[in-house]
Amino acid sequence: MRFLPPNGERGTLGPTQNFPAVAIGKNILRLTPGARIYDRDNRTIVHAQLPPGAEVVYSRDQAGYVQRIYLLTEQELFVLKQAGKR
């Protein structure tokens, strides 16, 4: 398993939004200028490659903007659900 931020929030990606917005759950959030998005193989991807409906863990900066998004693997999702976290 890879390192996920301890203060991260879990959510489900919503429909595709225009950059720099991202829909997570019922919220439309803004990405920071240097935001990183990691796919299930821990490779960085661009905003346009975000798959709607994917389970993610994301972290925010002090202003509330999203700075990192991790697309969760089935194994990571299982472990998080078993641990009762997020």
Protein backbone atom coordinates (compact mmCIF):
# COMPACT_ATOMS: atom_id res chain seq x y z
CA MET A 1 0.00 0.00 0.00
CA ARG A 2 1.16 3.51 -0.69
CA PHE A 3 1.22 6.39 1.76
CA LEU A 4 -2.08 8.24 1.97
CA PRO A 5 -2.27 11.55 3.85
CA PRO A 6 -3.35 11.01 7.48
CA ASN A 7 -5.53 14.14 7.34
CA GLY A 8 -7.06 13.15 4.00
CA GLU A 9 -10.77 13.02 3.34
CA ARG A 10 -12.49 10.26 1.43
CA GLY A 11 -15.01 10.95 -1.30
CA THR A 12 -16.42 9.96 -4.66
CA LEU A 13 -15.64 11.93 -7.80
CA GLY A 14 -18.62 13.58 -9.41
CA PRO A 15 -19.12 14.66 -13.01
CA THR A 16 -16.20 16.23 -14.87
CA GLN A 17 -15.79 19.94 -14.18
CA ASN A 18 -13.88 22.69 -15.98
CA PHE A 19 -10.34 23.13 -14.70
CA PRO A 20 -9.50 24.08 -11.89
CA ALA A 21 -12.75 22.80 -10.37
CA VAL A 22 -13.29 19.22 -9.27
CA ALA A 23 -16.53 17.64 -8.04
CA ILE A 24 -16.10 15.43 -4.98
CA GLY A 25 -19.31 14.19 -3.46
CA LYS A 26 -21.82 17.04 -3.58
CA ASN A 27 -19.09 19.69 -3.41
CA ILE A 28 -17.37 21.59 -6.20
CA LEU A 29 -13.83 22.23 -4.98
CA ARG A 30 -10.93 24.16 -6.48
CA LEU A 31 -7.51 22.66 -7.17
CA THR A 32 -4.40 24.53 -6.04
CA PRO A 33 -2.07 25.70 -8.83
CA GLY A 34 0.41 22.91 -8.00
CA ALA A 35 -2.14 20.18 -7.26
CA ARG A 36 -1.06 16.58 -7.82
CA ILE A 37 -3.42 13.83 -8.90
CA TYR A 38 -2.29 10.21 -8.54
CA ASP A 39 -3.88 7.29 -10.37
CA ARG A 40 -4.24 3.78 -8.95
CA ASP A 41 -0.67 2.94 -10.05
CA ASN A 42 0.66 6.05 -8.24
CA ARG A 43 1.41 7.86 -11.49
CA THR A 44 0.55 11.53 -11.80
CA ILE A 45 -2.29 12.32 -14.16
CA VAL A 46 -3.97 15.50 -15.37
CA HIS A 47 -7.37 16.83 -14.35
CA ALA A 48 -9.02 15.70 -17.61
CA GLN A 49 -8.17 12.05 -16.79
CA LEU A 50 -10.22 11.95 -13.58
CA PRO A 51 -12.81 9.16 -13.90
CA PRO A 52 -16.28 10.15 -12.61
CA GLY A 53 -17.49 7.85 -9.85
CA ALA A 54 -14.01 6.86 -8.64
CA GLU A 55 -13.34 6.62 -4.90
CA VAL A 56 -10.59 9.02 -3.78
CA VAL A 57 -8.71 10.35 -0.80
CA TYR A 58 -7.84 14.03 -1.06
CA SER A 59 -6.09 16.61 1.06
CA ARG A 60 -6.64 20.35 1.25
CA ASP A 61 -4.40 23.30 2.00
CA GLN A 62 -5.15 25.93 4.67
CA ALA A 63 -7.40 27.87 2.28
CA GLY A 64 -9.50 24.74 1.62
CA TYR A 65 -8.23 24.14 -1.93
CA VAL A 66 -7.48 20.57 -2.99
CA GLN A 67 -3.74 19.97 -3.21
CA ARG A 68 -3.58 16.17 -3.68
CA ILE A 69 -5.99 13.54 -4.96
CA TYR A 70 -5.34 9.79 -4.78
CA LEU A 71 -7.53 7.42 -6.81
CA LEU A 72 -8.04 4.45 -4.51
CA THR A 73 -7.32 0.87 -5.48
CA GLU A 74 -9.77 -1.86 -4.44
CA GLN A 75 -7.25 -3.01 -1.81
CA GLU A 76 -6.86 0.49 -0.33
CA LEU A 77 -10.62 0.96 -0.27
CA PHE A 78 -11.06 -2.39 1.49
CA VAL A 79 -8.42 -1.54 4.12
CA LEU A 80 -9.95 1.88 4.79
CA LYS A 81 -13.42 0.37 5.19
CA GLN A 82 -12.11 -2.38 7.51
CA ALA A 83 -10.28 0.18 9.64
CA GLY A 84 -13.44 2.26 9.87
CA LYS A 85 -11.52 5.31 8.79
CA ARG A 86 -12.73 7.96 6.42
